[in-house]
Amino acid sequence: MSETVSKPNPRRGPHAVRRESTRLKLMEAGVRCLNTVGYAETSTVRVAAEAGVARGSLLHQFPTKVDLILAVASHAALAQGAFIREALGKLAPGRERFMGSIDATWGALQTPEGRALLQIIVATHHDPELAAQIADFARRFDEGLSRGAQRLADAAGLTTDQGEALDERRFVLATLRGLALEMMMHQSAGSPDAILQRLRASRLRFYESHLKVPRT
């Protein structure tokens, strides 16, 4: 699985480097705040303090809380994607990688970034301003999900109709997100193993029913 590595830009000046460094500190602080105090208590003041950055510097890049949260959502989604790609890259192409994507995705949802993104998703239901502005992020996320689902199915040697791989991937993701949310909200939720096993069995049926049959 290939990765694209950005080459250093010799034209970037000290200001651009400082701005990038400040942004990363704010993204990481935003993730920590969402994990420790939740969306409602995550404010620009709290994130700036957590990052050790002047609030004026934060507001220069992110004038409102929603601006900041949308940036954190993108940061978290990229981190999740990188986690999944790295995990899948360790698995053999074909059935092992296709089946392994369940555990890779579940692992990504357990990371600080994965949990922060879940907090943001839940917050869209009670923050109208966030809900109104997150549409572009959601569109880009869905487009990436669609491309990734089809690539995974193709690499596994599956024959799928238009949208079929995406629907199955959405089913897997929705189940894992729901399970992750249940465990976040209810400490007594118990072990997720039985549900994960059922999900693996469902994916295995999908794999076997769509596997290309070699011509004889």
N, C-alpha and C. Protein backbone atom coordinates (compact mmCIF):
# COMPACT_ATOMS: atom_id res chain seq x y z
N MET A 1 0.86 -1.18 0.00
CA MET A 1 0.00 0.00 0.00
C MET A 1 0.89 1.23 0.00
N SER A 2 0.79 2.02 -1.03
CA SER A 2 1.71 3.14 -1.19
C SER A 2 1.25 4.34 -0.40
N GLU A 3 2.21 5.19 -0.05
CA GLU A 3 1.92 6.44 0.63
C GLU A 3 2.54 7.56 -0.14
N THR A 4 1.87 8.70 -0.15
CA THR A 4 2.41 9.89 -0.79
C THR A 4 3.07 10.74 0.26
N VAL A 5 4.34 11.01 0.07
CA VAL A 5 5.09 11.82 1.03
C VAL A 5 5.32 13.20 0.44
N SER A 6 4.89 14.21 1.15
CA SER A 6 5.05 15.57 0.68
C SER A 6 6.50 16.00 0.85
N LYS A 7 7.06 16.57 -0.18
CA LYS A 7 8.42 17.07 -0.12
C LYS A 7 8.43 18.44 0.56
N PRO A 8 9.48 18.72 1.33
CA PRO A 8 9.56 20.03 1.98
C PRO A 8 9.53 21.15 0.95
N ASN A 9 8.84 22.19 1.26
CA ASN A 9 8.75 23.35 0.37
C ASN A 9 9.81 24.37 0.77
N PRO A 10 10.86 24.53 -0.05
CA PRO A 10 11.95 25.44 0.33
C PRO A 10 11.48 26.89 0.43
N ARG A 11 10.32 27.22 -0.15
CA ARG A 11 9.86 28.59 -0.12
C ARG A 11 9.11 28.93 1.18
N ARG A 12 8.80 27.93 1.97
CA ARG A 12 8.06 28.20 3.19
C ARG A 12 8.94 28.98 4.16
N GLY A 13 8.42 30.09 4.63
CA GLY A 13 9.17 30.91 5.56
C GLY A 13 8.88 30.54 6.99
N PRO A 14 9.57 31.20 7.92
CA PRO A 14 9.37 30.91 9.34
C PRO A 14 7.92 31.10 9.79
N HIS A 15 7.24 32.09 9.21
CA HIS A 15 5.85 32.36 9.61
C HIS A 15 4.96 31.17 9.26
N ALA A 16 5.15 30.61 8.06
CA ALA A 16 4.34 29.46 7.64
C ALA A 16 4.62 28.25 8.52
N VAL A 17 5.88 28.05 8.88
CA VAL A 17 6.24 26.92 9.73
C VAL A 17 5.62 27.08 11.11
N ARG A 18 5.69 28.30 11.67
CA ARG A 18 5.09 28.55 12.98
C ARG A 18 3.58 28.36 12.94
N ARG A 19 2.96 28.82 11.86
CA ARG A 19 1.52 28.68 11.73
C ARG A 19 1.12 27.21 11.68
N GLU A 20 1.88 26.42 10.93
CA GLU A 20 1.59 24.99 10.83
C GLU A 20 1.78 24.30 12.17
N SER A 21 2.84 24.68 12.90
CA SER A 21 3.10 24.11 14.20
C SER A 21 1.99 24.47 15.19
N THR A 22 1.55 25.73 15.14
CA THR A 22 0.46 26.17 16.02
C THR A 22 -0.82 25.42 15.70
N ARG A 23 -1.10 25.24 14.42
CA ARG A 23 -2.31 24.52 14.01
C ARG A 23 -2.30 23.09 14.54
N LEU A 24 -1.16 22.42 14.43
CA LEU A 24 -1.07 21.04 14.90
C LEU A 24 -1.29 20.97 16.41
N LYS A 25 -0.70 21.91 17.15
CA LYS A 25 -0.91 21.95 18.60
C LYS A 25 -2.39 22.12 18.92
N LEU A 26 -3.08 22.97 18.18
CA LEU A 26 -4.50 23.22 18.42
C LEU A 26 -5.33 21.98 18.07
N MET A 27 -4.98 21.30 16.99
CA MET A 27 -5.72 20.09 16.61
C MET A 27 -5.57 19.02 17.69
N GLU A 28 -4.35 18.82 18.16
CA GLU A 28 -4.12 17.80 19.18
C GLU A 28 -4.79 18.18 20.50
N ALA A 29 -4.77 19.47 20.82
CA ALA A 29 -5.44 19.94 22.03
C ALA A 29 -6.95 19.78 21.91
N GLY A 30 -7.48 20.05 20.72
CA GLY A 30 -8.91 19.87 20.50
C GLY A 30 -9.33 18.43 20.68
N VAL A 31 -8.53 17.52 20.20
CA VAL A 31 -8.81 16.08 20.38
C VAL A 31 -8.81 15.73 21.86
N ARG A 32 -7.81 16.23 22.58
CA ARG A 32 -7.73 15.92 24.02
C ARG A 32 -8.93 16.48 24.78
N CYS A 33 -9.32 17.71 24.46
CA CYS A 33 -10.45 18.32 25.15
C CYS A 33 -11.75 17.56 24.87
N LEU A 34 -11.97 17.18 23.64
CA LEU A 34 -13.18 16.43 23.30
C LEU A 34 -13.23 15.11 24.05
N ASN A 35 -12.07 14.51 24.26
CA ASN A 35 -12.02 13.23 24.97
C ASN A 35 -12.19 13.38 26.47
N THR A 36 -11.73 14.49 27.02
CA THR A 36 -11.75 14.64 28.47
C THR A 36 -12.99 15.35 28.99
N VAL A 37 -13.47 16.36 28.27
CA VAL A 37 -14.61 17.14 28.78
C VAL A 37 -15.82 17.12 27.86
N GLY A 38 -15.69 16.54 26.66
CA GLY A 38 -16.82 16.46 25.75
C GLY A 38 -17.00 17.71 24.91
N TYR A 39 -17.93 17.64 23.98
CA TYR A 39 -18.12 18.74 23.03
C TYR A 39 -18.61 20.02 23.70
N ALA A 40 -19.59 19.91 24.57
CA ALA A 40 -20.21 21.10 25.17
C ALA A 40 -19.19 21.96 25.91
N GLU A 41 -18.23 21.31 26.59
CA GLU A 41 -17.25 22.04 27.39
C GLU A 41 -15.97 22.37 26.62
N THR A 42 -15.89 21.91 25.39
CA THR A 42 -14.73 22.24 24.56
C THR A 42 -14.94 23.61 23.94
N SER A 43 -14.20 24.59 24.42
CA SER A 43 -14.33 25.97 23.94
C SER A 43 -13.00 26.43 23.36
N THR A 44 -13.03 27.55 22.66
CA THR A 44 -11.79 28.10 22.12
C THR A 44 -10.83 28.48 23.25
N VAL A 45 -11.37 28.96 24.37
CA VAL A 45 -10.54 29.31 25.52
C VAL A 45 -9.85 28.07 26.07
N ARG A 46 -10.61 26.99 26.24
CA ARG A 46 -10.05 25.76 26.81
C ARG A 46 -9.02 25.14 25.88
N VAL A 47 -9.32 25.11 24.59
CA VAL A 47 -8.39 24.50 23.64
C VAL A 47 -7.09 25.30 23.56
N ALA A 48 -7.20 26.62 23.54
CA ALA A 48 -6.00 27.46 23.50
C ALA A 48 -5.13 27.22 24.73
N ALA A 49 -5.77 27.14 25.90
CA ALA A 49 -5.02 26.89 27.13
C ALA A 49 -4.37 25.52 27.11
N GLU A 50 -5.11 24.51 26.64
CA GLU A 50 -4.59 23.15 26.56
C GLU A 50 -3.40 23.07 25.62
N ALA A 51 -3.46 23.83 24.53
CA ALA A 51 -2.39 23.82 23.54
C ALA A 51 -1.20 24.69 23.93
N GLY A 52 -1.40 25.55 24.94
CA GLY A 52 -0.34 26.50 25.30
C GLY A 52 -0.17 27.56 24.25
N VAL A 53 -1.29 27.96 23.62
CA VAL A 53 -1.28 28.94 22.53
C VAL A 53 -2.15 30.12 22.95
N ALA A 54 -1.73 31.32 22.61
CA ALA A 54 -2.53 32.50 22.90
C ALA A 54 -3.88 32.39 22.20
N ARG A 55 -4.94 32.78 22.89
CA ARG A 55 -6.26 32.66 22.29
C ARG A 55 -6.36 33.49 21.01
N GLY A 56 -5.65 34.61 20.97
CA GLY A 56 -5.66 35.43 19.76
C GLY A 56 -5.10 34.69 18.56
N SER A 57 -4.08 33.85 18.79
CA SER A 57 -3.51 33.06 17.71
C SER A 57 -4.51 32.02 17.22
N LEU A 58 -5.26 31.44 18.18
CA LEU A 58 -6.30 30.47 17.80
C LEU A 58 -7.37 31.16 16.97
N LEU A 59 -7.85 32.30 17.46
CA LEU A 59 -8.95 32.99 16.77
C LEU A 59 -8.51 33.51 15.40
N HIS A 60 -7.22 33.74 15.22
CA HIS A 60 -6.73 34.18 13.91
C HIS A 60 -6.95 33.10 12.86
N GLN A 61 -6.78 31.85 13.29
CA GLN A 61 -6.99 30.74 12.35
C GLN A 61 -8.42 30.22 12.38
N PHE A 62 -9.05 30.25 13.56
CA PHE A 62 -10.40 29.69 13.73
C PHE A 62 -11.25 30.69 14.51
N PRO A 63 -11.95 31.57 13.80
CA PRO A 63 -12.70 32.66 14.46
C PRO A 63 -13.80 32.19 15.40
N THR A 64 -14.36 30.99 15.16
CA THR A 64 -15.44 30.49 16.01
C THR A 64 -15.15 29.07 16.46
N LYS A 65 -15.90 28.64 17.45
CA LYS A 65 -15.76 27.26 17.93
C LYS A 65 -16.07 26.27 16.82
N VAL A 66 -17.09 26.54 16.01
CA VAL A 66 -17.45 25.62 14.94
C VAL A 66 -16.32 25.52 13.92
N ASP A 67 -15.68 26.65 13.59
CA ASP A 67 -14.53 26.61 12.68
C ASP A 67 -13.45 25.68 13.22
N LEU A 68 -13.20 25.81 14.52
CA LEU A 68 -12.19 24.97 15.16
C LEU A 68 -12.59 23.50 15.13
N ILE A 69 -13.83 23.22 15.47
CA ILE A 69 -14.30 21.83 15.54
C ILE A 69 -14.27 21.18 14.17
N LEU A 70 -14.64 21.91 13.12
CA LEU A 70 -14.59 21.35 11.77
C LEU A 70 -13.16 20.99 11.38
N ALA A 71 -12.21 21.83 11.78
CA ALA A 71 -10.80 21.53 11.50
C ALA A 71 -10.36 20.30 12.28
N VAL A 72 -10.79 20.19 13.53
CA VAL A 72 -10.45 19.02 14.34
C VAL A 72 -11.06 17.76 13.72
N ALA A 73 -12.28 17.88 13.20
CA ALA A 73 -12.93 16.73 12.56
C ALA A 73 -12.11 16.24 11.37
N SER A 74 -11.64 17.16 10.54
CA SER A 74 -10.82 16.78 9.39
C SER A 74 -9.51 16.15 9.85
N HIS A 75 -8.89 16.75 10.85
CA HIS A 75 -7.65 16.21 11.42
C HIS A 75 -7.87 14.79 11.94
N ALA A 76 -8.96 14.60 12.68
CA ALA A 76 -9.26 13.28 13.26
C ALA A 76 -9.55 12.25 12.17
N ALA A 77 -10.29 12.66 11.14
CA ALA A 77 -10.61 11.73 10.05
C ALA A 77 -9.35 11.29 9.32
N LEU A 78 -8.42 12.22 9.09
CA LEU A 78 -7.16 11.87 8.44
C LEU A 78 -6.35 10.90 9.30
N ALA A 79 -6.35 11.14 10.61
CA ALA A 79 -5.62 10.26 11.52
C ALA A 79 -6.24 8.87 11.53
N GLN A 80 -7.58 8.81 11.51
CA GLN A 80 -8.26 7.52 11.45
C GLN A 80 -7.90 6.77 10.18
N GLY A 81 -7.93 7.49 9.06
CA GLY A 81 -7.60 6.87 7.78
C GLY A 81 -6.19 6.33 7.76
N ALA A 82 -5.25 7.10 8.34
CA ALA A 82 -3.86 6.66 8.38
C ALA A 82 -3.70 5.41 9.24
N PHE A 83 -4.43 5.37 10.36
CA PHE A 83 -4.40 4.20 11.24
C PHE A 83 -4.89 2.96 10.49
N ILE A 84 -6.00 3.09 9.79
CA ILE A 84 -6.57 1.95 9.07
C ILE A 84 -5.65 1.49 7.95
N ARG A 85 -5.11 2.44 7.19
CA ARG A 85 -4.19 2.06 6.10
C ARG A 85 -2.97 1.33 6.63
N GLU A 86 -2.43 1.80 7.73
CA GLU A 86 -1.25 1.14 8.30
C GLU A 86 -1.59 -0.28 8.76
N ALA A 87 -2.75 -0.42 9.40
CA ALA A 87 -3.16 -1.75 9.87
C ALA A 87 -3.40 -2.70 8.71
N LEU A 88 -4.08 -2.22 7.67
CA LEU A 88 -4.36 -3.08 6.52
C LEU A 88 -3.10 -3.41 5.75
N GLY A 89 -2.13 -2.49 5.75
CA GLY A 89 -0.89 -2.73 5.04
C GLY A 89 -0.09 -3.89 5.59
N LYS A 90 -0.39 -4.28 6.82
CA LYS A 90 0.30 -5.41 7.45
C LYS A 90 -0.35 -6.75 7.11
N LEU A 91 -1.51 -6.70 6.43
CA LEU A 91 -2.25 -7.92 6.11
C LEU A 91 -2.09 -8.29 4.65
N ALA A 92 -2.18 -9.56 4.38
CA ALA A 92 -2.07 -10.04 3.00
C ALA A 92 -3.28 -9.58 2.19
N PRO A 93 -3.05 -9.16 0.94
CA PRO A 93 -4.19 -8.76 0.09
C PRO A 93 -5.17 -9.92 -0.10
N GLY A 94 -6.41 -9.55 -0.36
CA GLY A 94 -7.42 -10.58 -0.56
C GLY A 94 -8.31 -10.74 0.65
N ARG A 95 -8.65 -11.98 0.96
CA ARG A 95 -9.58 -12.25 2.06
C ARG A 95 -9.09 -11.71 3.40
N GLU A 96 -7.80 -11.90 3.70
CA GLU A 96 -7.28 -11.48 5.00
C GLU A 96 -7.43 -9.97 5.20
N ARG A 97 -7.10 -9.21 4.17
CA ARG A 97 -7.20 -7.75 4.29
C ARG A 97 -8.66 -7.30 4.32
N PHE A 98 -9.50 -7.93 3.50
CA PHE A 98 -10.92 -7.56 3.46
C PHE A 98 -11.56 -7.82 4.82
N MET A 99 -11.30 -8.98 5.39
CA MET A 99 -11.86 -9.30 6.69
C MET A 99 -11.22 -8.47 7.79
N GLY A 100 -9.94 -8.22 7.65
CA GLY A 100 -9.21 -7.47 8.67
C GLY A 100 -9.61 -6.02 8.78
N SER A 101 -10.33 -5.51 7.78
CA SER A 101 -10.72 -4.10 7.84
C SER A 101 -11.70 -3.83 8.98
N ILE A 102 -12.42 -4.86 9.43
CA ILE A 102 -13.31 -4.68 10.59
C ILE A 102 -12.49 -4.36 11.82
N ASP A 103 -11.48 -5.15 12.09
CA ASP A 103 -10.66 -4.91 13.28
C ASP A 103 -9.82 -3.64 13.14
N ALA A 104 -9.39 -3.34 11.92
CA ALA A 104 -8.64 -2.10 11.70
C ALA A 104 -9.51 -0.88 11.99
N THR A 105 -10.76 -0.92 11.52
CA THR A 105 -11.67 0.19 11.75
C THR A 105 -12.04 0.29 13.22
N TRP A 106 -12.28 -0.84 13.85
CA TRP A 106 -12.59 -0.84 15.28
C TRP A 106 -11.42 -0.25 16.08
N GLY A 107 -10.22 -0.62 15.71
CA GLY A 107 -9.04 -0.07 16.38
C GLY A 107 -8.95 1.44 16.20
N ALA A 108 -9.27 1.92 14.99
CA ALA A 108 -9.22 3.36 14.72
C ALA A 108 -10.24 4.11 15.56
N LEU A 109 -11.40 3.49 15.79
CA LEU A 109 -12.44 4.14 16.59
C LEU A 109 -12.06 4.21 18.07
N GLN A 110 -11.08 3.42 18.50
CA GLN A 110 -10.64 3.44 19.89
C GLN A 110 -9.53 4.45 20.13
N THR A 111 -8.98 5.03 19.08
CA THR A 111 -7.92 6.03 19.25
C THR A 111 -8.52 7.34 19.76
N PRO A 112 -7.72 8.23 20.33
CA PRO A 112 -8.24 9.53 20.76
C PRO A 112 -8.91 10.29 19.62
N GLU A 113 -8.33 10.21 18.42
CA GLU A 113 -8.93 10.89 17.28
C GLU A 113 -10.28 10.28 16.91
N GLY A 114 -10.35 8.95 16.97
CA GLY A 114 -11.61 8.28 16.65
C GLY A 114 -12.70 8.65 17.63
N ARG A 115 -12.36 8.71 18.92
CA ARG A 115 -13.35 9.07 19.93
C ARG A 115 -13.76 10.54 19.81
N ALA A 116 -12.80 11.39 19.46
CA ALA A 116 -13.13 12.80 19.28
C ALA A 116 -14.10 12.99 18.12
N LEU A 117 -13.89 12.26 17.04
CA LEU A 117 -14.77 12.37 15.89
C LEU A 117 -16.17 11.88 16.24
N LEU A 118 -16.28 10.85 17.05
CA LEU A 118 -17.59 10.39 17.50
C LEU A 118 -18.29 11.47 18.32
N GLN A 119 -17.54 12.17 19.17
CA GLN A 119 -18.11 13.26 19.95
C GLN A 119 -18.67 14.34 19.03
N ILE A 120 -17.95 14.64 17.96
CA ILE A 120 -18.39 15.67 17.02
C ILE A 120 -19.64 15.22 16.27
N ILE A 121 -19.67 13.95 15.85
CA ILE A 121 -20.84 13.43 15.14
C ILE A 121 -22.09 13.53 16.02
N VAL A 122 -21.96 13.14 17.27
CA VAL A 122 -23.10 13.23 18.20
C VAL A 122 -23.52 14.68 18.39
N ALA A 123 -22.55 15.58 18.45
CA ALA A 123 -22.85 17.00 18.70
C ALA A 123 -23.68 17.64 17.59
N THR A 124 -23.60 17.10 16.38
CA THR A 124 -24.38 17.69 15.29
C THR A 124 -25.88 17.60 15.55
N HIS A 125 -26.30 16.71 16.43
CA HIS A 125 -27.72 16.54 16.71
C HIS A 125 -28.27 17.59 17.67
N HIS A 126 -27.37 18.29 18.38
CA HIS A 126 -27.87 19.32 19.31
C HIS A 126 -27.18 20.68 19.13
N ASP A 127 -26.35 20.80 18.11
CA ASP A 127 -25.75 22.10 17.79
C ASP A 127 -26.11 22.44 16.34
N PRO A 128 -27.15 23.25 16.14
CA PRO A 128 -27.62 23.56 14.78
C PRO A 128 -26.55 24.20 13.90
N GLU A 129 -25.71 25.04 14.50
CA GLU A 129 -24.68 25.72 13.71
C GLU A 129 -23.66 24.71 13.19
N LEU A 130 -23.25 23.80 14.05
CA LEU A 130 -22.32 22.75 13.62
C LEU A 130 -22.97 21.88 12.55
N ALA A 131 -24.22 21.49 12.76
CA ALA A 131 -24.93 20.65 11.79
C ALA A 131 -25.03 21.32 10.44
N ALA A 132 -25.23 22.64 10.44
CA ALA A 132 -25.39 23.37 9.18
C ALA A 132 -24.08 23.47 8.40
N GLN A 133 -22.96 23.47 9.12
CA GLN A 133 -21.68 23.70 8.45
C GLN A 133 -20.86 22.44 8.21
N ILE A 134 -21.32 21.31 8.72
CA ILE A 134 -20.52 20.10 8.60
C ILE A 134 -20.80 19.35 7.30
N ALA A 135 -21.73 19.85 6.49
CA ALA A 135 -22.13 19.15 5.27
C ALA A 135 -20.95 18.89 4.33
N ASP A 136 -20.07 19.87 4.17
CA ASP A 136 -18.95 19.69 3.25
C ASP A 136 -18.00 18.61 3.75
N PHE A 137 -17.74 18.61 5.06
CA PHE A 137 -16.90 17.56 5.64
C PHE A 137 -17.53 16.20 5.43
N ALA A 138 -18.85 16.11 5.68
CA ALA A 138 -19.56 14.83 5.52
C ALA A 138 -19.51 14.35 4.08
N ARG A 139 -19.63 15.27 3.13
CA ARG A 139 -19.58 14.90 1.71
C ARG A 139 -18.20 14.33 1.37
N ARG A 140 -17.15 15.01 1.81
CA ARG A 140 -15.80 14.53 1.51
C ARG A 140 -15.52 13.20 2.19
N PHE A 141 -16.05 13.04 3.41
CA PHE A 141 -15.88 11.77 4.13
C PHE A 141 -16.56 10.64 3.38
N ASP A 142 -17.78 10.89 2.91
CA ASP A 142 -18.53 9.86 2.18
C ASP A 142 -17.85 9.50 0.86
N GLU A 143 -17.29 10.51 0.18
CA GLU A 143 -16.59 10.24 -1.08
C GLU A 143 -15.37 9.36 -0.83
N GLY A 144 -14.64 9.68 0.23
CA GLY A 144 -13.48 8.86 0.58
C GLY A 144 -13.88 7.45 0.98
N LEU A 145 -14.99 7.34 1.70
CA LEU A 145 -15.49 6.03 2.11
C LEU A 145 -15.88 5.20 0.89
N SER A 146 -16.52 5.84 -0.07
CA SER A 146 -16.94 5.15 -1.29
C SER A 146 -15.74 4.63 -2.07
N ARG A 147 -14.75 5.48 -2.26
CA ARG A 147 -13.55 5.06 -3.00
C ARG A 147 -12.83 3.93 -2.27
N GLY A 148 -12.69 4.07 -0.95
CA GLY A 148 -11.99 3.06 -0.18
C GLY A 148 -12.71 1.72 -0.18
N ALA A 149 -14.04 1.76 -0.08
CA ALA A 149 -14.82 0.52 -0.08
C ALA A 149 -14.68 -0.22 -1.40
N GLN A 150 -14.72 0.51 -2.51
CA GLN A 150 -14.60 -0.14 -3.81
C GLN A 150 -13.20 -0.68 -4.04
N ARG A 151 -12.18 0.08 -3.61
CA ARG A 151 -10.81 -0.41 -3.74
C ARG A 151 -10.60 -1.68 -2.94
N LEU A 152 -11.14 -1.71 -1.73
CA LEU A 152 -10.99 -2.88 -0.88
C LEU A 152 -11.66 -4.10 -1.50
N ALA A 153 -12.87 -3.90 -2.04
CA ALA A 153 -13.60 -5.00 -2.67
C ALA A 153 -12.88 -5.48 -3.92
N ASP A 154 -12.40 -4.54 -4.74
CA ASP A 154 -11.69 -4.91 -5.97
C ASP A 154 -10.41 -5.68 -5.64
N ALA A 155 -9.67 -5.18 -4.64
CA ALA A 155 -8.41 -5.83 -4.27
C ALA A 155 -8.64 -7.23 -3.70
N ALA A 156 -9.83 -7.45 -3.13
CA ALA A 156 -10.15 -8.77 -2.57
C ALA A 156 -10.67 -9.72 -3.64
N GLY A 157 -10.80 -9.22 -4.87
CA GLY A 157 -11.28 -10.08 -5.95
C GLY A 157 -12.77 -10.28 -5.94
N LEU A 158 -13.52 -9.28 -5.48
CA LEU A 158 -14.97 -9.41 -5.41
C LEU A 158 -15.65 -8.76 -6.61
N THR A 159 -16.78 -9.30 -6.99
CA THR A 159 -17.63 -8.71 -8.01
C THR A 159 -18.82 -8.07 -7.31
N THR A 160 -18.90 -6.75 -7.37
CA THR A 160 -19.98 -6.04 -6.69
C THR A 160 -20.69 -5.11 -7.66
N ASP A 161 -22.00 -4.98 -7.47
CA ASP A 161 -22.78 -4.05 -8.27
C ASP A 161 -22.47 -2.62 -7.83
N GLN A 162 -22.92 -1.65 -8.62
CA GLN A 162 -22.71 -0.25 -8.30
C GLN A 162 -23.28 0.07 -6.91
N GLY A 163 -22.44 0.51 -6.03
CA GLY A 163 -22.88 0.91 -4.70
C GLY A 163 -22.96 -0.22 -3.70
N GLU A 164 -22.81 -1.45 -4.15
CA GLU A 164 -22.97 -2.59 -3.25
C GLU A 164 -21.85 -2.65 -2.21
N ALA A 165 -20.62 -2.40 -2.66
CA ALA A 165 -19.49 -2.40 -1.73
C ALA A 165 -19.62 -1.27 -0.72
N LEU A 166 -20.11 -0.11 -1.19
CA LEU A 166 -20.29 1.03 -0.30
C LEU A 166 -21.35 0.75 0.75
N ASP A 167 -22.46 0.15 0.33
CA ASP A 167 -23.54 -0.16 1.28
C ASP A 167 -23.05 -1.12 2.36
N GLU A 168 -22.25 -2.11 1.96
CA GLU A 168 -21.74 -3.07 2.94
C GLU A 168 -20.77 -2.39 3.88
N ARG A 169 -19.92 -1.51 3.34
CA ARG A 169 -18.95 -0.79 4.18
C ARG A 169 -19.68 0.16 5.13
N ARG A 170 -20.74 0.80 4.67
CA ARG A 170 -21.52 1.67 5.55
C ARG A 170 -22.15 0.88 6.68
N PHE A 171 -22.63 -0.30 6.36
CA PHE A 171 -23.23 -1.17 7.38
C PHE A 171 -22.19 -1.50 8.45
N VAL A 172 -20.99 -1.86 8.02
CA VAL A 172 -19.92 -2.18 8.96
C VAL A 172 -19.58 -0.97 9.82
N LEU A 173 -19.40 0.19 9.16
CA LEU A 173 -19.01 1.40 9.89
C LEU A 173 -20.10 1.83 10.87
N ALA A 174 -21.36 1.78 10.43
CA ALA A 174 -22.47 2.18 11.31
C ALA A 174 -22.54 1.26 12.54
N THR A 175 -22.33 -0.03 12.33
CA THR A 175 -22.36 -0.97 13.45
C THR A 175 -21.23 -0.70 14.42
N LEU A 176 -20.03 -0.47 13.89
CA LEU A 176 -18.87 -0.23 14.75
C LEU A 176 -19.00 1.10 15.48
N ARG A 177 -19.51 2.12 14.79
CA ARG A 177 -19.71 3.41 15.46
C ARG A 177 -20.73 3.29 16.58
N GLY A 178 -21.82 2.59 16.30
CA GLY A 178 -22.84 2.41 17.33
C GLY A 178 -22.30 1.67 18.53
N LEU A 179 -21.50 0.64 18.29
CA LEU A 179 -20.89 -0.12 19.37
C LEU A 179 -19.92 0.75 20.17
N ALA A 180 -19.12 1.55 19.45
CA ALA A 180 -18.17 2.44 20.12
C ALA A 180 -18.89 3.47 20.98
N LEU A 181 -19.97 4.03 20.45
CA LEU A 181 -20.74 5.01 21.22
C LEU A 181 -21.36 4.38 22.46
N GLU A 182 -21.88 3.18 22.31
CA GLU A 182 -22.47 2.49 23.46
C GLU A 182 -21.44 2.29 24.55
N MET A 183 -20.24 1.90 24.17
CA MET A 183 -19.19 1.67 25.16
C MET A 183 -18.69 2.97 25.78
N MET A 184 -18.73 4.07 25.00
CA MET A 184 -18.34 5.37 25.54
C MET A 184 -19.35 5.87 26.56
N MET A 185 -20.63 5.64 26.29
CA MET A 185 -21.69 6.22 27.10
C MET A 185 -22.09 5.33 28.28
N HIS A 186 -21.83 4.03 28.16
CA HIS A 186 -22.24 3.10 29.22
C HIS A 186 -21.03 2.27 29.64
N GLN A 187 -20.51 2.57 30.80
CA GLN A 187 -19.32 1.86 31.27
C GLN A 187 -19.59 0.37 31.49
N SER A 188 -20.86 0.02 31.71
CA SER A 188 -21.21 -1.38 31.96
C SER A 188 -21.67 -2.10 30.70
N ALA A 189 -21.31 -1.55 29.54
CA ALA A 189 -21.77 -2.12 28.27
C ALA A 189 -21.25 -3.54 28.05
N GLY A 190 -20.16 -3.89 28.69
CA GLY A 190 -19.62 -5.24 28.55
C GLY A 190 -18.68 -5.36 27.37
N SER A 191 -18.24 -6.58 27.11
CA SER A 191 -17.28 -6.84 26.05
C SER A 191 -17.94 -6.71 24.67
N PRO A 192 -17.21 -6.13 23.71
CA PRO A 192 -17.75 -6.01 22.35
C PRO A 192 -17.51 -7.26 21.50
N ASP A 193 -16.87 -8.27 22.08
CA ASP A 193 -16.39 -9.40 21.27
C ASP A 193 -17.51 -10.12 20.52
N ALA A 194 -18.65 -10.35 21.18
CA ALA A 194 -19.73 -11.10 20.54
C ALA A 194 -20.28 -10.35 19.33
N ILE A 195 -20.43 -9.05 19.45
CA ILE A 195 -20.94 -8.26 18.33
C ILE A 195 -19.92 -8.21 17.21
N LEU A 196 -18.65 -8.05 17.56
CA LEU A 196 -17.61 -8.03 16.53
C LEU A 196 -17.57 -9.36 15.79
N GLN A 197 -17.78 -10.45 16.51
CA GLN A 197 -17.78 -11.76 15.87
C GLN A 197 -18.95 -11.90 14.90
N ARG A 198 -20.11 -11.40 15.29
CA ARG A 198 -21.27 -11.43 14.39
C ARG A 198 -21.01 -10.59 13.14
N LEU A 199 -20.34 -9.46 13.32
CA LEU A 199 -20.03 -8.59 12.19
C LEU A 199 -19.03 -9.26 11.25
N ARG A 200 -18.06 -9.94 11.82
CA ARG A 200 -17.10 -10.68 10.98
C ARG A 200 -17.81 -11.77 10.18
N ALA A 201 -18.76 -12.44 10.82
CA ALA A 201 -19.51 -13.50 10.13
C ALA A 201 -20.32 -12.91 8.98
N SER A 202 -20.91 -11.75 9.19
CA SER A 202 -21.69 -11.09 8.14
C SER A 202 -20.79 -10.69 6.98
N ARG A 203 -19.62 -10.15 7.29
CA ARG A 203 -18.69 -9.76 6.22
C ARG A 203 -18.16 -10.97 5.47
N LEU A 204 -17.94 -12.07 6.17
CA LEU A 204 -17.47 -13.28 5.51
C LEU A 204 -18.52 -13.79 4.51
N ARG A 205 -19.80 -13.72 4.89
CA ARG A 205 -20.86 -14.13 3.96
C ARG A 205 -20.86 -13.23 2.72
N PHE A 206 -20.67 -11.93 2.95
CA PHE A 206 -20.61 -11.00 1.82
C PHE A 206 -19.43 -11.35 0.92
N TYR A 207 -18.29 -11.63 1.52
CA TYR A 207 -17.09 -11.98 0.76
C TYR A 207 -17.33 -13.23 -0.07
N GLU A 208 -17.83 -14.26 0.55
CA GLU A 208 -18.00 -15.54 -0.15
C GLU A 208 -19.06 -15.46 -1.24
N SER A 209 -20.09 -14.65 -1.04
CA SER A 209 -21.15 -14.55 -2.04
C SER A 209 -20.78 -13.67 -3.22
N HIS A 210 -19.73 -12.85 -3.07
CA HIS A 210 -19.33 -11.94 -4.16
C HIS A 210 -17.95 -12.27 -4.74
N LEU A 211 -17.37 -13.37 -4.28
CA LEU A 211 -16.05 -13.74 -4.77
C LEU A 211 -16.15 -14.20 -6.21
N LYS A 212 -15.25 -13.66 -7.03
CA LYS A 212 -15.23 -14.05 -8.44
C LYS A 212 -14.88 -15.52 -8.57
N VAL A 213 -15.64 -16.23 -9.37
CA VAL A 213 -15.38 -17.65 -9.59
C VAL A 213 -14.54 -17.81 -10.85
N PRO A 214 -13.33 -18.37 -10.71
CA PRO A 214 -12.45 -18.55 -11.89
C PRO A 214 -13.14 -19.37 -12.97
N ARG A 215 -12.94 -18.95 -14.19
CA ARG A 215 -13.50 -19.72 -15.31
C ARG A 215 -12.72 -21.00 -15.52
N THR A 216 -13.45 -22.07 -15.85
CA THR A 216 -12.80 -23.35 -16.07
C THR A 216 -12.77 -23.67 -17.56
